[in-house]
């Protein structure tokens, strides 16, 4: 299946949890520069906050890779925030320049997936644009297309005059 390169952006990032722990220990102000108050409260509310800081850091990077910008075009760390629904599903909120860039690109949704092991945190993000949704609607399901073609052929056969005399 071919998809236009401007229709969907994909970003993946991985962060070493121990490296994040060292950064936080060395420079406590790091968390205030990179994470919103809500993100800090969430991370600090866990027994191993470095795991959650690393996961959110990976998510911010993955989102900006999906947008194709990285931290350029005036986008800052706080322009990408990871939140959770009441059921715990993570989602992204864009503000500032990140939101402007996403709107300019026609991005309508950025689903994310977060995971971690005992050593690494990983995040995946997909920037889904209005164009990608429209392209999906234009594509036909192969079975629906086959059914349509069959009905069209059957209709054509039904319209042929009956053979008089039984000969072909």
N, C-alpha and C. Protein backbone atom coordinates (compact mmCIF):
# COMPACT_ATOMS: atom_id res chain seq x y z
N UNK A 1 0.86 -1.16 0.00
CA UNK A 1 0.00 0.00 0.00
C UNK A 1 0.90 1.22 0.00
N UNK A 2 0.69 2.12 -0.90
CA UNK A 2 1.47 3.34 -0.98
C UNK A 2 0.78 4.46 -0.21
N UNK A 3 1.55 5.19 0.56
CA UNK A 3 1.04 6.32 1.32
C UNK A 3 1.92 7.52 1.01
N UNK A 4 1.32 8.64 0.71
CA UNK A 4 2.10 9.84 0.43
C UNK A 4 2.95 10.19 1.64
N UNK A 5 4.19 10.58 1.39
CA UNK A 5 5.12 10.83 2.50
C UNK A 5 4.67 11.98 3.39
N UNK A 6 3.87 12.90 2.88
CA UNK A 6 3.41 14.01 3.69
C UNK A 6 2.14 13.69 4.46
N UNK A 7 1.60 12.49 4.30
CA UNK A 7 0.33 12.15 4.91
C UNK A 7 0.45 11.70 6.36
N UNK A 8 1.48 10.93 6.65
CA UNK A 8 1.64 10.37 7.97
C UNK A 8 3.11 10.49 8.36
N UNK A 9 3.35 10.93 9.58
CA UNK A 9 4.72 10.98 10.08
C UNK A 9 4.87 9.99 11.22
N UNK A 10 6.00 9.32 11.26
CA UNK A 10 6.25 8.34 12.30
C UNK A 10 7.52 8.71 13.04
N UNK A 11 7.48 8.64 14.35
CA UNK A 11 8.66 8.93 15.15
C UNK A 11 8.82 7.91 16.25
N UNK A 12 10.06 7.47 16.47
CA UNK A 12 10.38 6.52 17.52
C UNK A 12 11.61 7.03 18.24
N UNK A 13 11.65 6.88 19.56
CA UNK A 13 12.83 7.27 20.31
C UNK A 13 13.01 6.34 21.49
N UNK A 14 14.26 6.16 21.89
CA UNK A 14 14.61 5.31 23.02
C UNK A 14 15.58 6.07 23.92
N UNK A 15 15.38 5.93 25.22
CA UNK A 15 16.20 6.64 26.21
C UNK A 15 16.65 5.64 27.27
N UNK A 16 17.93 5.71 27.62
CA UNK A 16 18.46 4.87 28.70
C UNK A 16 17.98 5.45 30.04
N UNK A 17 17.34 4.63 30.82
CA UNK A 17 16.78 5.08 32.10
C UNK A 17 17.89 5.52 33.06
N UNK A 18 18.97 4.78 33.12
CA UNK A 18 20.07 5.13 34.03
C UNK A 18 20.69 6.47 33.63
N UNK A 19 20.77 6.75 32.35
CA UNK A 19 21.30 8.04 31.90
C UNK A 19 20.39 9.18 32.36
N UNK A 20 19.07 8.97 32.27
CA UNK A 20 18.12 9.97 32.73
C UNK A 20 18.29 10.19 34.24
N UNK A 21 18.49 9.13 35.00
CA UNK A 21 18.68 9.25 36.44
C UNK A 21 19.92 10.10 36.75
N UNK A 22 21.00 9.88 36.00
CA UNK A 22 22.23 10.66 36.21
C UNK A 22 22.02 12.13 35.88
N UNK A 23 21.29 12.41 34.79
CA UNK A 23 21.03 13.80 34.40
C UNK A 23 20.23 14.51 35.48
N UNK A 24 19.19 13.86 35.98
CA UNK A 24 18.33 14.47 37.01
C UNK A 24 19.13 14.71 38.29
N UNK A 25 19.97 13.76 38.66
CA UNK A 25 20.78 13.91 39.87
C UNK A 25 21.79 15.05 39.72
N UNK A 26 22.42 15.13 38.56
CA UNK A 26 23.44 16.15 38.30
C UNK A 26 22.84 17.54 38.16
N UNK A 27 21.66 17.61 37.55
CA UNK A 27 21.04 18.91 37.27
C UNK A 27 19.55 18.86 37.55
N UNK A 28 19.15 19.05 38.81
CA UNK A 28 17.72 18.98 39.17
C UNK A 28 16.85 19.98 38.39
N UNK A 29 17.42 21.10 37.96
CA UNK A 29 16.64 22.09 37.19
C UNK A 29 16.25 21.57 35.82
N UNK A 30 16.89 20.50 35.37
CA UNK A 30 16.58 19.89 34.08
C UNK A 30 15.09 19.57 33.96
N UNK A 31 14.52 19.00 35.02
CA UNK A 31 13.11 18.59 34.94
C UNK A 31 12.19 19.79 34.77
N UNK A 32 12.53 20.93 35.37
CA UNK A 32 11.69 22.12 35.24
C UNK A 32 11.78 22.72 33.84
N UNK A 33 12.89 22.53 33.17
CA UNK A 33 13.08 23.08 31.82
C UNK A 33 12.41 22.20 30.76
N UNK A 34 12.29 20.91 31.06
CA UNK A 34 11.85 19.95 30.03
C UNK A 34 10.41 19.46 30.24
N UNK A 35 9.95 19.43 31.48
CA UNK A 35 8.64 18.83 31.78
C UNK A 35 7.69 19.84 32.41
N UNK A 36 6.42 19.71 32.07
CA UNK A 36 5.39 20.56 32.68
C UNK A 36 5.22 20.19 34.15
N UNK A 37 4.54 21.04 34.89
CA UNK A 37 4.28 20.76 36.31
C UNK A 37 3.50 19.46 36.46
N UNK A 38 2.54 19.23 35.58
CA UNK A 38 1.74 18.00 35.65
C UNK A 38 2.60 16.77 35.36
N UNK A 39 3.50 16.87 34.38
CA UNK A 39 4.39 15.75 34.08
C UNK A 39 5.31 15.46 35.27
N UNK A 40 5.85 16.51 35.87
CA UNK A 40 6.74 16.33 37.02
C UNK A 40 5.99 15.69 38.19
N UNK A 41 4.77 16.14 38.43
CA UNK A 41 3.97 15.56 39.52
C UNK A 41 3.72 14.07 39.27
N UNK A 42 3.41 13.73 38.02
CA UNK A 42 3.17 12.33 37.68
C UNK A 42 4.43 11.49 37.92
N UNK A 43 5.55 11.95 37.37
CA UNK A 43 6.80 11.20 37.47
C UNK A 43 7.26 11.09 38.92
N UNK A 44 7.22 12.20 39.65
CA UNK A 44 7.69 12.22 41.03
C UNK A 44 6.78 11.42 41.96
N UNK A 45 5.58 11.11 41.51
CA UNK A 45 4.65 10.33 42.31
C UNK A 45 4.90 8.84 42.25
N UNK A 46 5.95 8.42 41.56
CA UNK A 46 6.27 7.00 41.43
C UNK A 46 7.56 6.67 42.18
N UNK A 47 7.71 5.42 42.53
CA UNK A 47 8.89 4.96 43.28
C UNK A 47 10.18 5.17 42.49
N UNK A 48 10.09 5.06 41.17
CA UNK A 48 11.25 5.23 40.30
C UNK A 48 10.93 6.30 39.26
N UNK A 49 10.98 7.56 39.66
CA UNK A 49 10.59 8.64 38.74
C UNK A 49 11.43 8.69 37.47
N UNK A 50 12.69 8.26 37.53
CA UNK A 50 13.54 8.31 36.34
C UNK A 50 12.97 7.49 35.18
N UNK A 51 12.25 6.42 35.50
CA UNK A 51 11.62 5.60 34.45
C UNK A 51 10.59 6.43 33.70
N UNK A 52 9.80 7.17 34.42
CA UNK A 52 8.71 7.94 33.81
C UNK A 52 9.23 9.21 33.13
N UNK A 53 10.28 9.80 33.71
CA UNK A 53 10.92 10.93 33.04
C UNK A 53 11.53 10.48 31.71
N UNK A 54 12.20 9.35 31.72
CA UNK A 54 12.81 8.83 30.49
C UNK A 54 11.75 8.52 29.44
N UNK A 55 10.65 7.94 29.87
CA UNK A 55 9.58 7.59 28.94
C UNK A 55 8.98 8.85 28.32
N UNK A 56 8.76 9.87 29.12
CA UNK A 56 8.20 11.12 28.58
C UNK A 56 9.20 11.86 27.69
N UNK A 57 10.47 11.78 28.04
CA UNK A 57 11.49 12.38 27.19
C UNK A 57 11.48 11.71 25.82
N UNK A 58 11.43 10.38 25.81
CA UNK A 58 11.35 9.64 24.55
C UNK A 58 10.10 10.02 23.77
N UNK A 59 8.99 10.22 24.47
CA UNK A 59 7.74 10.58 23.81
C UNK A 59 7.86 11.95 23.14
N UNK A 60 8.44 12.92 23.83
CA UNK A 60 8.61 14.26 23.25
C UNK A 60 9.44 14.18 21.98
N UNK A 61 10.54 13.43 22.04
CA UNK A 61 11.40 13.26 20.86
C UNK A 61 10.63 12.56 19.73
N UNK A 62 9.91 11.50 20.05
CA UNK A 62 9.17 10.75 19.04
C UNK A 62 8.11 11.62 18.36
N UNK A 63 7.41 12.44 19.14
CA UNK A 63 6.39 13.32 18.58
C UNK A 63 7.01 14.30 17.59
N UNK A 64 8.13 14.88 17.96
CA UNK A 64 8.74 15.87 17.06
C UNK A 64 9.38 15.21 15.85
N UNK A 65 9.79 13.97 15.97
CA UNK A 65 10.24 13.22 14.80
C UNK A 65 9.05 12.96 13.88
N UNK A 66 7.91 12.62 14.47
CA UNK A 66 6.71 12.37 13.66
C UNK A 66 6.28 13.63 12.93
N UNK A 67 6.46 14.78 13.57
CA UNK A 67 6.14 16.05 12.90
C UNK A 67 7.20 16.42 11.87
N UNK A 68 8.37 15.79 11.99
CA UNK A 68 9.45 16.06 11.03
C UNK A 68 10.24 17.32 11.34
N UNK A 69 10.13 17.83 12.57
CA UNK A 69 10.78 19.09 12.91
C UNK A 69 11.94 18.93 13.88
N UNK A 70 11.83 17.98 14.80
CA UNK A 70 12.78 17.98 15.91
C UNK A 70 12.57 19.27 16.69
N UNK A 71 13.53 19.61 17.51
CA UNK A 71 13.43 20.85 18.27
C UNK A 71 14.01 21.99 17.44
N UNK A 72 13.27 22.34 16.40
CA UNK A 72 13.64 23.46 15.55
C UNK A 72 12.39 24.28 15.29
N UNK A 73 12.48 25.26 14.46
CA UNK A 73 11.33 26.10 14.10
C UNK A 73 10.69 26.75 15.34
N UNK A 74 11.48 26.96 16.38
CA UNK A 74 10.96 27.61 17.58
C UNK A 74 10.22 26.71 18.54
N UNK A 75 10.28 25.41 18.33
CA UNK A 75 9.58 24.47 19.21
C UNK A 75 10.45 24.21 20.44
N UNK A 76 9.82 24.29 21.63
CA UNK A 76 10.53 24.04 22.87
C UNK A 76 10.05 22.78 23.56
N UNK A 77 10.78 22.36 24.59
CA UNK A 77 10.46 21.14 25.32
C UNK A 77 9.05 21.17 25.90
N UNK A 78 8.64 22.31 26.40
CA UNK A 78 7.33 22.40 27.06
C UNK A 78 6.17 22.49 26.07
N UNK A 79 6.49 22.57 24.78
CA UNK A 79 5.44 22.60 23.75
C UNK A 79 4.83 21.22 23.50
N UNK A 80 5.46 20.19 24.04
CA UNK A 80 4.96 18.82 23.91
C UNK A 80 4.79 18.26 25.32
N UNK A 81 3.55 17.92 25.66
CA UNK A 81 3.27 17.41 27.00
C UNK A 81 2.58 16.06 26.90
N UNK A 82 3.01 15.12 27.73
CA UNK A 82 2.39 13.80 27.78
C UNK A 82 1.44 13.77 28.97
N UNK A 83 0.20 13.45 28.68
CA UNK A 83 -0.82 13.31 29.73
C UNK A 83 -1.40 11.91 29.66
N UNK A 84 -2.28 11.61 30.61
CA UNK A 84 -2.93 10.30 30.64
C UNK A 84 -4.43 10.48 30.80
N UNK A 85 -5.19 9.63 30.12
CA UNK A 85 -6.63 9.65 30.28
C UNK A 85 -6.97 9.08 31.65
N UNK A 86 -8.24 9.16 32.01
CA UNK A 86 -8.67 8.62 33.30
C UNK A 86 -8.43 7.10 33.38
N UNK A 87 -8.33 6.45 32.23
CA UNK A 87 -8.07 5.01 32.20
C UNK A 87 -6.58 4.70 32.07
N UNK A 88 -5.74 5.76 32.03
CA UNK A 88 -4.29 5.55 32.00
C UNK A 88 -3.64 5.58 30.64
N UNK A 89 -4.41 5.75 29.58
CA UNK A 89 -3.83 5.78 28.23
C UNK A 89 -3.10 7.10 28.02
N UNK A 90 -1.83 7.05 27.58
CA UNK A 90 -1.10 8.29 27.36
C UNK A 90 -1.56 8.99 26.08
N UNK A 91 -1.53 10.30 26.12
CA UNK A 91 -1.81 11.09 24.92
C UNK A 91 -0.98 12.36 24.97
N UNK A 92 -0.88 13.02 23.83
CA UNK A 92 -0.02 14.20 23.70
C UNK A 92 -0.87 15.45 23.58
N UNK A 93 -0.41 16.50 24.23
CA UNK A 93 -1.01 17.83 24.09
C UNK A 93 0.09 18.74 23.55
N UNK A 94 -0.19 19.36 22.42
CA UNK A 94 0.76 20.30 21.83
C UNK A 94 0.33 21.72 22.15
N UNK A 95 1.30 22.56 22.49
CA UNK A 95 1.03 23.97 22.73
C UNK A 95 2.08 24.78 21.99
N UNK A 96 1.90 26.09 22.01
CA UNK A 96 2.90 26.99 21.44
C UNK A 96 3.21 26.69 19.98
N UNK A 97 4.47 26.77 19.65
CA UNK A 97 4.91 26.60 18.26
C UNK A 97 4.66 25.18 17.74
N UNK A 98 4.75 24.18 18.61
CA UNK A 98 4.48 22.80 18.17
C UNK A 98 3.05 22.67 17.66
N UNK A 99 2.11 23.30 18.35
CA UNK A 99 0.71 23.25 17.90
C UNK A 99 0.55 23.99 16.58
N UNK A 100 1.21 25.12 16.44
CA UNK A 100 1.12 25.88 15.18
C UNK A 100 1.65 25.06 14.01
N UNK A 101 2.81 24.42 14.20
CA UNK A 101 3.40 23.61 13.13
C UNK A 101 2.47 22.45 12.78
N UNK A 102 1.92 21.79 13.79
CA UNK A 102 1.01 20.67 13.55
C UNK A 102 -0.22 21.13 12.76
N UNK A 103 -0.76 22.28 13.11
CA UNK A 103 -1.93 22.81 12.38
C UNK A 103 -1.57 23.13 10.94
N UNK A 104 -0.40 23.74 10.73
CA UNK A 104 0.05 24.06 9.37
C UNK A 104 0.17 22.80 8.52
N UNK A 105 0.56 21.69 9.16
CA UNK A 105 0.73 20.42 8.46
C UNK A 105 -0.59 19.67 8.29
N UNK A 106 -1.65 20.15 8.92
CA UNK A 106 -2.94 19.45 8.85
C UNK A 106 -3.00 18.23 9.75
N UNK A 107 -2.18 18.21 10.81
CA UNK A 107 -2.20 17.08 11.74
C UNK A 107 -3.47 17.14 12.57
N UNK A 108 -4.17 16.03 12.59
CA UNK A 108 -5.42 15.98 13.34
C UNK A 108 -5.32 15.13 14.58
N UNK A 109 -4.28 14.28 14.65
CA UNK A 109 -4.14 13.38 15.79
C UNK A 109 -2.69 12.89 15.86
N UNK A 110 -2.20 12.70 17.09
CA UNK A 110 -0.87 12.11 17.28
C UNK A 110 -0.97 11.04 18.36
N UNK A 111 -1.38 9.83 17.96
CA UNK A 111 -1.40 8.75 18.94
C UNK A 111 0.02 8.37 19.33
N UNK A 112 0.20 7.98 20.59
CA UNK A 112 1.52 7.57 21.06
C UNK A 112 1.43 6.23 21.79
N UNK A 113 2.55 5.55 21.81
CA UNK A 113 2.68 4.32 22.57
C UNK A 113 3.97 4.43 23.38
N UNK A 114 3.88 4.12 24.66
CA UNK A 114 5.02 4.21 25.57
C UNK A 114 5.29 2.85 26.19
N UNK A 115 6.57 2.54 26.38
CA UNK A 115 6.92 1.30 27.03
C UNK A 115 8.31 1.43 27.64
N UNK A 116 8.64 0.51 28.55
CA UNK A 116 9.98 0.52 29.12
C UNK A 116 10.35 -0.86 29.63
N UNK A 117 11.65 -1.07 29.71
CA UNK A 117 12.20 -2.27 30.32
C UNK A 117 12.96 -1.82 31.56
N UNK A 118 13.74 -2.67 32.16
CA UNK A 118 14.52 -2.25 33.33
C UNK A 118 15.68 -1.34 32.94
N UNK A 119 15.99 -1.23 31.64
CA UNK A 119 17.11 -0.39 31.22
C UNK A 119 16.73 0.75 30.28
N UNK A 120 15.67 0.59 29.51
CA UNK A 120 15.35 1.55 28.46
C UNK A 120 13.87 1.93 28.45
N UNK A 121 13.64 3.16 28.03
CA UNK A 121 12.28 3.65 27.80
C UNK A 121 12.14 3.93 26.31
N UNK A 122 11.00 3.59 25.74
CA UNK A 122 10.80 3.79 24.31
C UNK A 122 9.42 4.39 24.06
N UNK A 123 9.36 5.21 23.03
CA UNK A 123 8.08 5.83 22.65
C UNK A 123 7.95 5.82 21.14
N UNK A 124 6.74 5.69 20.69
CA UNK A 124 6.42 5.73 19.27
C UNK A 124 5.26 6.71 19.11
N UNK A 125 5.36 7.56 18.09
CA UNK A 125 4.30 8.54 17.82
C UNK A 125 4.02 8.56 16.33
N UNK A 126 2.76 8.82 15.99
CA UNK A 126 2.36 8.92 14.60
C UNK A 126 1.55 10.20 14.41
N UNK A 127 2.00 11.04 13.49
CA UNK A 127 1.26 12.26 13.17
C UNK A 127 0.33 11.95 12.01
N UNK A 128 -0.95 11.90 12.30
CA UNK A 128 -1.96 11.58 11.29
C UNK A 128 -2.55 12.89 10.79
N UNK A 129 -2.48 13.08 9.48
CA UNK A 129 -2.96 14.33 8.89
C UNK A 129 -4.36 14.16 8.31
N UNK A 130 -4.99 15.29 8.04
CA UNK A 130 -6.30 15.26 7.37
C UNK A 130 -6.18 14.54 6.03
N UNK A 131 -5.07 14.75 5.32
CA UNK A 131 -4.86 14.11 4.02
C UNK A 131 -4.79 12.60 4.15
N UNK A 132 -4.14 12.09 5.19
CA UNK A 132 -4.03 10.64 5.34
C UNK A 132 -5.40 10.02 5.61
N UNK A 133 -6.24 10.72 6.36
CA UNK A 133 -7.59 10.22 6.63
C UNK A 133 -8.41 10.22 5.34
N UNK A 134 -8.29 11.30 4.56
CA UNK A 134 -9.02 11.37 3.29
C UNK A 134 -8.54 10.28 2.33
N UNK A 135 -7.24 10.04 2.30
CA UNK A 135 -6.69 8.99 1.42
C UNK A 135 -7.21 7.62 1.84
N UNK A 136 -7.32 7.39 3.11
CA UNK A 136 -7.83 6.10 3.60
C UNK A 136 -9.29 5.92 3.17
N UNK A 137 -10.07 6.98 3.22
CA UNK A 137 -11.47 6.89 2.80
C UNK A 137 -11.59 6.64 1.31
N UNK A 138 -10.63 7.16 0.54
CA UNK A 138 -10.66 6.95 -0.92
C UNK A 138 -10.28 5.53 -1.32
N UNK A 139 -9.46 4.88 -0.49
CA UNK A 139 -9.06 3.50 -0.80
C UNK A 139 -10.25 2.58 -0.59
N UNK A 140 -10.37 1.63 -1.49
CA UNK A 140 -11.46 0.67 -1.37
C UNK A 140 -10.96 -0.62 -0.76
N UNK A 141 -11.83 -1.20 0.05
CA UNK A 141 -11.53 -2.51 0.60
C UNK A 141 -11.53 -3.51 -0.56
N UNK A 142 -10.52 -4.39 -0.68
CA UNK A 142 -10.45 -5.32 -1.82
C UNK A 142 -11.70 -6.19 -1.96
N UNK A 143 -12.27 -6.63 -0.85
CA UNK A 143 -13.47 -7.47 -0.95
C UNK A 143 -14.67 -6.65 -1.42
N UNK A 144 -14.78 -5.43 -0.98
CA UNK A 144 -15.86 -4.56 -1.45
C UNK A 144 -15.72 -4.30 -2.94
N UNK A 145 -14.48 -4.08 -3.38
CA UNK A 145 -14.23 -3.83 -4.80
C UNK A 145 -14.57 -5.07 -5.62
N UNK A 146 -14.20 -6.25 -5.16
CA UNK A 146 -14.51 -7.49 -5.86
C UNK A 146 -16.03 -7.70 -5.93
N UNK A 147 -16.72 -7.44 -4.85
CA UNK A 147 -18.19 -7.56 -4.82
C UNK A 147 -18.82 -6.59 -5.81
N UNK A 148 -18.33 -5.36 -5.85
CA UNK A 148 -18.85 -4.36 -6.79
C UNK A 148 -18.66 -4.83 -8.23
N UNK A 149 -17.46 -5.35 -8.54
CA UNK A 149 -17.17 -5.81 -9.90
C UNK A 149 -18.04 -7.01 -10.27
N UNK A 150 -18.26 -7.91 -9.32
CA UNK A 150 -19.11 -9.06 -9.57
C UNK A 150 -20.54 -8.63 -9.88
N UNK A 151 -21.06 -7.70 -9.09
CA UNK A 151 -22.42 -7.21 -9.31
C UNK A 151 -22.53 -6.52 -10.67
N UNK A 152 -21.50 -5.79 -11.03
CA UNK A 152 -21.49 -5.09 -12.32
C UNK A 152 -21.49 -6.10 -13.47
N UNK A 153 -20.69 -7.17 -13.36
CA UNK A 153 -20.64 -8.20 -14.39
C UNK A 153 -21.97 -8.96 -14.46
N UNK A 154 -22.55 -9.26 -13.31
CA UNK A 154 -23.83 -9.97 -13.26
C UNK A 154 -24.93 -9.13 -13.92
N UNK A 155 -24.93 -7.84 -13.64
CA UNK A 155 -25.90 -6.93 -14.23
C UNK A 155 -25.75 -6.91 -15.75
N UNK A 156 -24.51 -6.89 -16.21
CA UNK A 156 -24.25 -6.90 -17.65
C UNK A 156 -24.79 -8.17 -18.29
N UNK A 157 -24.53 -9.32 -17.63
CA UNK A 157 -25.02 -10.60 -18.16
C UNK A 157 -26.53 -10.67 -18.16
N UNK A 158 -27.17 -10.12 -17.12
CA UNK A 158 -28.62 -10.14 -17.04
C UNK A 158 -29.27 -9.32 -18.15
N UNK A 159 -28.57 -8.34 -18.65
CA UNK A 159 -29.11 -7.46 -19.68
C UNK A 159 -28.95 -8.02 -21.09
N UNK A 160 -28.13 -9.07 -21.26
CA UNK A 160 -27.96 -9.68 -22.59
C UNK A 160 -29.24 -10.39 -23.00
N UNK A 161 -29.59 -10.30 -24.28
CA UNK A 161 -30.82 -11.00 -24.72
C UNK A 161 -30.66 -12.51 -24.58
N UNK A 162 -31.75 -13.15 -24.22
CA UNK A 162 -31.73 -14.60 -24.07
C UNK A 162 -31.52 -15.23 -25.43
N UNK A 163 -30.79 -16.34 -25.47
CA UNK A 163 -30.49 -17.05 -26.70
C UNK A 163 -31.71 -17.85 -27.12
N UNK A 164 -32.25 -17.51 -28.27
CA UNK A 164 -33.44 -18.22 -28.76
C UNK A 164 -33.00 -19.47 -29.51
N UNK A 165 -33.56 -20.57 -29.23
CA UNK A 165 -33.25 -21.80 -29.95
C UNK A 165 -32.22 -22.64 -29.23
N UNK A 166 -31.70 -22.22 -28.14
CA UNK A 166 -30.79 -23.04 -27.35
C UNK A 166 -29.42 -23.21 -27.92
N UNK A 167 -29.03 -22.49 -28.94
CA UNK A 167 -27.69 -22.64 -29.50
C UNK A 167 -26.81 -21.51 -29.07
N UNK A 168 -25.55 -21.82 -28.91
CA UNK A 168 -24.60 -20.80 -28.55
C UNK A 168 -23.89 -20.28 -29.76
